[in-house]
Amino acid sequence: MIVFDASAVVSAALKIDSIPERALLRAEEADVFALSIAVEQEIAAVLSRPKFARAIPLERRSQVLDILRSAAIWFDPVTRIMECRDPKDDKYLELALAAGAETIVSGDEDLLVFSRGAVFVSSVRATISRSRKPVHAALQPALFASVSAPRFTQPDWVCSQ
């Protein structure tokens, strides 16, 4: 299981064949996306912001969202986490915990500084650089190398509801 945050998804949508897009497509082939309603709503809302709506054609935004939605397993996190510097980012940790995800892919400094315990927060550049297989055509799908971090257990920083 892998979680992509809104910054990583928007970066993927902004430029075809970019490192963020290749990371997203490699994850689609070799891993399973974890989504929750809260995470999906944030990603869709960020992609719809006027500055991104102007920069990213509607078809492209829809395509990226469809990749996530169709390939994801949906979770309803029940454990509340209050650990990120930006409380809006806690939803990604909650999803990772609920899904047993090993990796959160992000460009958000508030998440990137977080790597501790059983969750690994990775930049999109680090995510793509772990892959050894070439990217092939279509929409650039290829293989994403999974992280060998241990599965989530309830760490001491988790606050139960």
C-alpha atoms as a PDB file:
ATOM      1  CA  MET A   1       0.000   0.000   0.000  1.00  0.00           C
ATOM      2  CA  ILE A   2       1.143   3.506  -0.817  1.00  0.00           C
ATOM      3  CA  VAL A   3      -0.342   6.934  -0.089  1.00  0.00           C
ATOM      4  CA  PHE A   4       0.161   9.955  -2.345  1.00  0.00           C
ATOM      5  CA  ASP A   5      -0.576  13.374  -0.904  1.00  0.00           C
ATOM      6  CA  ALA A   6      -2.113  16.285  -2.804  1.00  0.00           C
ATOM      7  CA  SER A   7       1.242  17.952  -3.504  1.00  0.00           C
ATOM      8  CA  ALA A   8       2.602  14.824  -5.182  1.00  0.00           C
ATOM      9  CA  VAL A   9      -0.563  14.305  -7.249  1.00  0.00           C
ATOM     10  CA  VAL A  10      -0.700  17.948  -8.372  1.00  0.00           C
ATOM     11  CA  SER A  11       2.975  17.802  -9.320  1.00  0.00           C
ATOM     12  CA  ALA A  12       2.240  14.670 -11.364  1.00  0.00           C
ATOM     13  CA  ALA A  13      -0.651  16.368 -13.128  1.00  0.00           C
ATOM     14  CA  LEU A  14       1.286  19.533 -13.947  1.00  0.00           C
ATOM     15  CA  LYS A  15       3.756  17.987 -16.372  1.00  0.00           C
ATOM     16  CA  ILE A  16       3.601  14.874 -18.507  1.00  0.00           C
ATOM     17  CA  ASP A  17       6.620  12.583 -18.118  1.00  0.00           C
ATOM     18  CA  SER A  18       7.813  14.481 -15.058  1.00  0.00           C
ATOM     19  CA  ILE A  19       9.404  12.730 -12.125  1.00  0.00           C
ATOM     20  CA  PRO A  20       6.197  13.062 -10.065  1.00  0.00           C
ATOM     21  CA  GLU A  21       4.104  11.595 -12.888  1.00  0.00           C
ATOM     22  CA  ARG A  22       6.496   8.698 -13.326  1.00  0.00           C
ATOM     23  CA  ALA A  23       6.399   8.018  -9.570  1.00  0.00           C
ATOM     24  CA  LEU A  24       2.586   7.971  -9.639  1.00  0.00           C
ATOM     25  CA  LEU A  25       2.443   5.662 -12.644  1.00  0.00           C
ATOM     26  CA  ARG A  26       5.102   3.332 -11.293  1.00  0.00           C
ATOM     27  CA  ALA A  27       3.167   3.056  -8.061  1.00  0.00           C
ATOM     28  CA  GLU A  28       0.011   2.287 -10.043  1.00  0.00           C
ATOM     29  CA  GLU A  29       1.706  -0.701 -11.673  1.00  0.00           C
ATOM     30  CA  ALA A  30       3.612  -2.161  -8.770  1.00  0.00           C
ATOM     31  CA  ASP A  31       1.777  -1.115  -5.640  1.00  0.00           C
ATOM     32  CA  VAL A  32      -1.757  -0.414  -4.457  1.00  0.00           C
ATOM     33  CA  PHE A  33      -2.961   3.115  -3.750  1.00  0.00           C
ATOM     34  CA  ALA A  34      -4.689   3.706  -0.457  1.00  0.00           C
ATOM     35  CA  LEU A  35      -7.395   6.371  -0.448  1.00  0.00           C
ATOM     36  CA  SER A  36      -9.846   7.739   2.049  1.00  0.00           C
ATOM     37  CA  ILE A  37     -12.701  10.115   1.396  1.00  0.00           C
ATOM     38  CA  ALA A  38     -10.835  12.931   3.171  1.00  0.00           C
ATOM     39  CA  VAL A  39      -7.651  12.423   1.118  1.00  0.00           C
ATOM     40  CA  GLU A  40      -9.505  12.074  -2.188  1.00  0.00           C
ATOM     41  CA  GLN A  41     -11.548  15.211  -1.454  1.00  0.00           C
ATOM     42  CA  GLU A  42      -8.425  17.215  -0.657  1.00  0.00           C
ATOM     43  CA  ILE A  43      -6.653  16.064  -3.822  1.00  0.00           C
ATOM     44  CA  ALA A  44      -9.704  16.890  -5.969  1.00  0.00           C
ATOM     45  CA  ALA A  45     -10.114  20.278  -4.273  1.00  0.00           C
ATOM     46  CA  VAL A  46      -6.456  21.222  -4.748  1.00  0.00           C
ATOM     47  CA  LEU A  47      -6.568  20.204  -8.426  1.00  0.00           C
ATOM     48  CA  SER A  48      -9.656  22.426  -8.806  1.00  0.00           C
ATOM     49  CA  ARG A  49      -8.050  25.545  -7.349  1.00  0.00           C
ATOM     50  CA  PRO A  50      -8.049  28.345  -9.930  1.00  0.00           C
ATOM     51  CA  LYS A  51      -4.249  28.434 -10.363  1.00  0.00           C
ATOM     52  CA  PHE A  52      -4.136  24.683 -11.083  1.00  0.00           C
ATOM     53  CA  ALA A  53      -7.348  24.690 -13.126  1.00  0.00           C
ATOM     54  CA  ARG A  54      -5.694  27.254 -15.425  1.00  0.00           C
ATOM     55  CA  ALA A  55      -2.416  25.337 -15.615  1.00  0.00           C
ATOM     56  CA  ILE A  56      -3.777  21.796 -15.933  1.00  0.00           C
ATOM     57  CA  PRO A  57      -6.452  20.995 -18.528  1.00  0.00           C
ATOM     58  CA  LEU A  58      -9.643  19.432 -17.139  1.00  0.00           C
ATOM     59  CA  GLU A  59      -8.997  16.231 -19.113  1.00  0.00           C
ATOM     60  CA  ARG A  60      -5.557  15.878 -17.539  1.00  0.00           C
ATOM     61  CA  ARG A  61      -6.888  16.528 -14.010  1.00  0.00           C
ATOM     62  CA  SER A  62      -9.603  13.940 -14.587  1.00  0.00           C
ATOM     63  CA  GLN A  63      -7.096  11.439 -15.947  1.00  0.00           C
ATOM     64  CA  VAL A  64      -4.865  11.711 -12.879  1.00  0.00           C
ATOM     65  CA  LEU A  65      -7.834  11.437 -10.491  1.00  0.00           C
ATOM     66  CA  ASP A  66      -9.139   8.425 -12.429  1.00  0.00           C
ATOM     67  CA  ILE A  67      -5.768   6.681 -12.033  1.00  0.00           C
ATOM     68  CA  LEU A  68      -5.977   7.104  -8.273  1.00  0.00           C
ATOM     69  CA  ARG A  69      -9.670   6.332  -7.867  1.00  0.00           C
ATOM     70  CA  SER A  70      -9.767   3.259 -10.079  1.00  0.00           C
ATOM     71  CA  ALA A  71      -6.604   1.667  -8.709  1.00  0.00           C
ATOM     72  CA  ALA A  72      -7.199   2.448  -5.032  1.00  0.00           C
ATOM     73  CA  ILE A  73      -8.426   0.472  -2.112  1.00  0.00           C
ATOM     74  CA  TRP A  74     -10.599   2.758  -0.003  1.00  0.00           C
ATOM     75  CA  PHE A  75     -10.223   3.022   3.758  1.00  0.00           C
ATOM     76  CA  ASP A  76     -12.165   4.726   6.518  1.00  0.00           C
ATOM     77  CA  PRO A  77      -9.521   5.614   9.111  1.00  0.00           C
ATOM     78  CA  VAL A  78     -10.819   5.315  12.648  1.00  0.00           C
ATOM     79  CA  THR A  79      -7.664   6.193  14.566  1.00  0.00           C
ATOM     80  CA  ARG A  80      -7.121   9.926  14.991  1.00  0.00           C
ATOM     81  CA  ILE A  81      -3.546  11.208  14.662  1.00  0.00           C
ATOM     82  CA  MET A  82      -2.496  14.680  15.774  1.00  0.00           C
ATOM     83  CA  GLU A  83       1.178  14.754  14.943  1.00  0.00           C
ATOM     84  CA  CYS A  84       1.948  16.888  11.871  1.00  0.00           C
ATOM     85  CA  ARG A  85       3.113  20.492  12.046  1.00  0.00           C
ATOM     86  CA  ASP A  86       0.217  21.222   9.685  1.00  0.00           C
ATOM     87  CA  PRO A  87      -2.836  19.502  11.200  1.00  0.00           C
ATOM     88  CA  LYS A  88      -4.425  19.212   7.733  1.00  0.00           C
ATOM     89  CA  ASP A  89      -1.711  16.665   6.884  1.00  0.00           C
ATOM     90  CA  ASP A  90      -2.677  14.296   9.703  1.00  0.00           C
ATOM     91  CA  LYS A  91      -5.219  12.715   7.324  1.00  0.00           C
ATOM     92  CA  TYR A  92      -2.332  11.189   5.342  1.00  0.00           C
ATOM     93  CA  LEU A  93      -0.873   9.565   8.460  1.00  0.00           C
ATOM     94  CA  GLU A  94      -4.326   8.333   9.465  1.00  0.00           C
ATOM     95  CA  LEU A  95      -4.806   6.783   6.030  1.00  0.00           C
ATOM     96  CA  ALA A  96      -1.354   5.195   6.070  1.00  0.00           C
ATOM     97  CA  LEU A  97      -2.082   3.664   9.469  1.00  0.00           C
ATOM     98  CA  ALA A  98      -5.528   2.371   8.419  1.00  0.00           C
ATOM     99  CA  ALA A  99      -4.145   0.911   5.184  1.00  0.00           C
ATOM    100  CA  GLY A 100      -0.944  -0.502   6.610  1.00  0.00           C
ATOM    101  CA  ALA A 101       0.878   1.618   4.025  1.00  0.00           C
ATOM    102  CA  GLU A 102       4.632   1.690   4.160  1.00  0.00           C
ATOM    103  CA  THR A 103       5.105   4.880   2.180  1.00  0.00           C
ATOM    104  CA  ILE A 104       3.560   8.321   1.879  1.00  0.00           C
ATOM    105  CA  VAL A 105       4.794  10.130  -1.240  1.00  0.00           C
ATOM    106  CA  SER A 106       4.816  13.872  -0.718  1.00  0.00           C
ATOM    107  CA  GLY A 107       6.409  17.145  -1.696  1.00  0.00           C
ATOM    108  CA  ASP A 108       5.097  18.783   1.482  1.00  0.00           C
ATOM    109  CA  GLU A 109       7.838  19.738   3.942  1.00  0.00           C
ATOM    110  CA  ASP A 110       5.409  19.251   6.833  1.00  0.00           C
ATOM    111  CA  LEU A 111       5.193  15.565   5.912  1.00  0.00           C
ATOM    112  CA  LEU A 112       8.751  15.079   4.648  1.00  0.00           C
ATOM    113  CA  VAL A 113      10.196  15.992   8.047  1.00  0.00           C
ATOM    114  CA  PHE A 114       7.986  13.362   9.641  1.00  0.00           C
ATOM    115  CA  SER A 115       9.652  10.079   8.637  1.00  0.00           C
ATOM    116  CA  ARG A 116       9.788   8.098  11.838  1.00  0.00           C
ATOM    117  CA  GLY A 117       8.541   4.872  13.221  1.00  0.00           C
ATOM    118  CA  ALA A 118       7.094   2.455  10.713  1.00  0.00           C
ATOM    119  CA  VAL A 119       6.014   5.029   8.127  1.00  0.00           C
ATOM    120  CA  PHE A 120       8.404   6.267   5.484  1.00  0.00           C
ATOM    121  CA  VAL A 121       7.615   9.658   3.944  1.00  0.00           C
ATOM    122  CA  SER A 122       9.318   9.950   0.591  1.00  0.00           C
ATOM    123  CA  SER A 123       9.804  12.796  -1.833  1.00  0.00           C
ATOM    124  CA  VAL A 124       8.693  12.058  -5.392  1.00  0.00           C
ATOM    125  CA  ARG A 125      12.311  12.274  -6.587  1.00  0.00           C
ATOM    126  CA  ALA A 126      13.437   9.715  -3.993  1.00  0.00           C
ATOM    127  CA  THR A 127      10.458   7.519  -4.861  1.00  0.00           C
ATOM    128  CA  ILE A 128      11.285   7.413  -8.556  1.00  0.00           C
ATOM    129  CA  SER A 129      15.020   7.012  -7.978  1.00  0.00           C
ATOM    130  CA  ARG A 130      14.457   3.750  -6.070  1.00  0.00           C
ATOM    131  CA  SER A 131      13.124   2.164  -9.255  1.00  0.00           C
ATOM    132  CA  ARG A 132      15.566   0.353 -11.520  1.00  0.00           C
ATOM    133  CA  LYS A 133      13.155  -0.493 -14.357  1.00  0.00           C
ATOM    134  CA  PRO A 134      12.717   1.812 -17.373  1.00  0.00           C
ATOM    135  CA  VAL A 135       9.575   3.782 -17.964  1.00  0.00           C
ATOM    136  CA  HIS A 136       7.689   2.598 -21.028  1.00  0.00           C
ATOM    137  CA  ALA A 137       5.193   4.460 -23.207  1.00  0.00           C
ATOM    138  CA  ALA A 138       1.356   4.499 -23.045  1.00  0.00           C
ATOM    139  CA  LEU A 139       0.874   7.055 -20.280  1.00  0.00           C
ATOM    140  CA  GLN A 140       4.374   6.307 -18.982  1.00  0.00           C
ATOM    141  CA  PRO A 141       3.419   3.343 -16.745  1.00  0.00           C
ATOM    142  CA  ALA A 142       6.328   1.443 -15.247  1.00  0.00           C
ATOM    143  CA  LEU A 143       7.418  -0.282 -12.076  1.00  0.00           C
ATOM    144  CA  PHE A 144       7.745   1.324  -8.675  1.00  0.00           C
ATOM    145  CA  ALA A 145      10.144  -0.305  -6.257  1.00  0.00           C
ATOM    146  CA  SER A 146       8.379  -0.915  -2.978  1.00  0.00           C
ATOM    147  CA  VAL A 147       9.933   0.178   0.264  1.00  0.00           C
ATOM    148  CA  SER A 148      11.164  -2.487   2.614  1.00  0.00           C
ATOM    149  CA  ALA A 149      10.006  -0.704   5.762  1.00  0.00           C
ATOM    150  CA  PRO A 150       8.086  -2.746   8.310  1.00  0.00           C
ATOM    151  CA  ARG A 151       4.281  -2.723   8.191  1.00  0.00           C
ATOM    152  CA  PHE A 152       2.475  -0.234  10.376  1.00  0.00           C
ATOM    153  CA  THR A 153       1.875  -1.144  13.941  1.00  0.00           C
ATOM    154  CA  GLN A 154       0.208   1.329  16.233  1.00  0.00           C
ATOM    155  CA  PRO A 155       3.136   3.612  17.090  1.00  0.00           C
ATOM    156  CA  ASP A 156       3.337   5.523  20.358  1.00  0.00           C
ATOM    157  CA  TRP A 157       2.499   8.806  18.615  1.00  0.00           C
ATOM    158  CA  VAL A 158      -0.991   7.628  17.608  1.00  0.00           C
ATOM    159  CA  CYS A 159      -3.859   9.050  19.602  1.00  0.00           C
ATOM    160  CA  SER A 160      -6.817   6.676  19.733  1.00  0.00           C
ATOM    161  CA  GLN A 161     -10.327   8.047  19.451  1.00  0.00           C
END
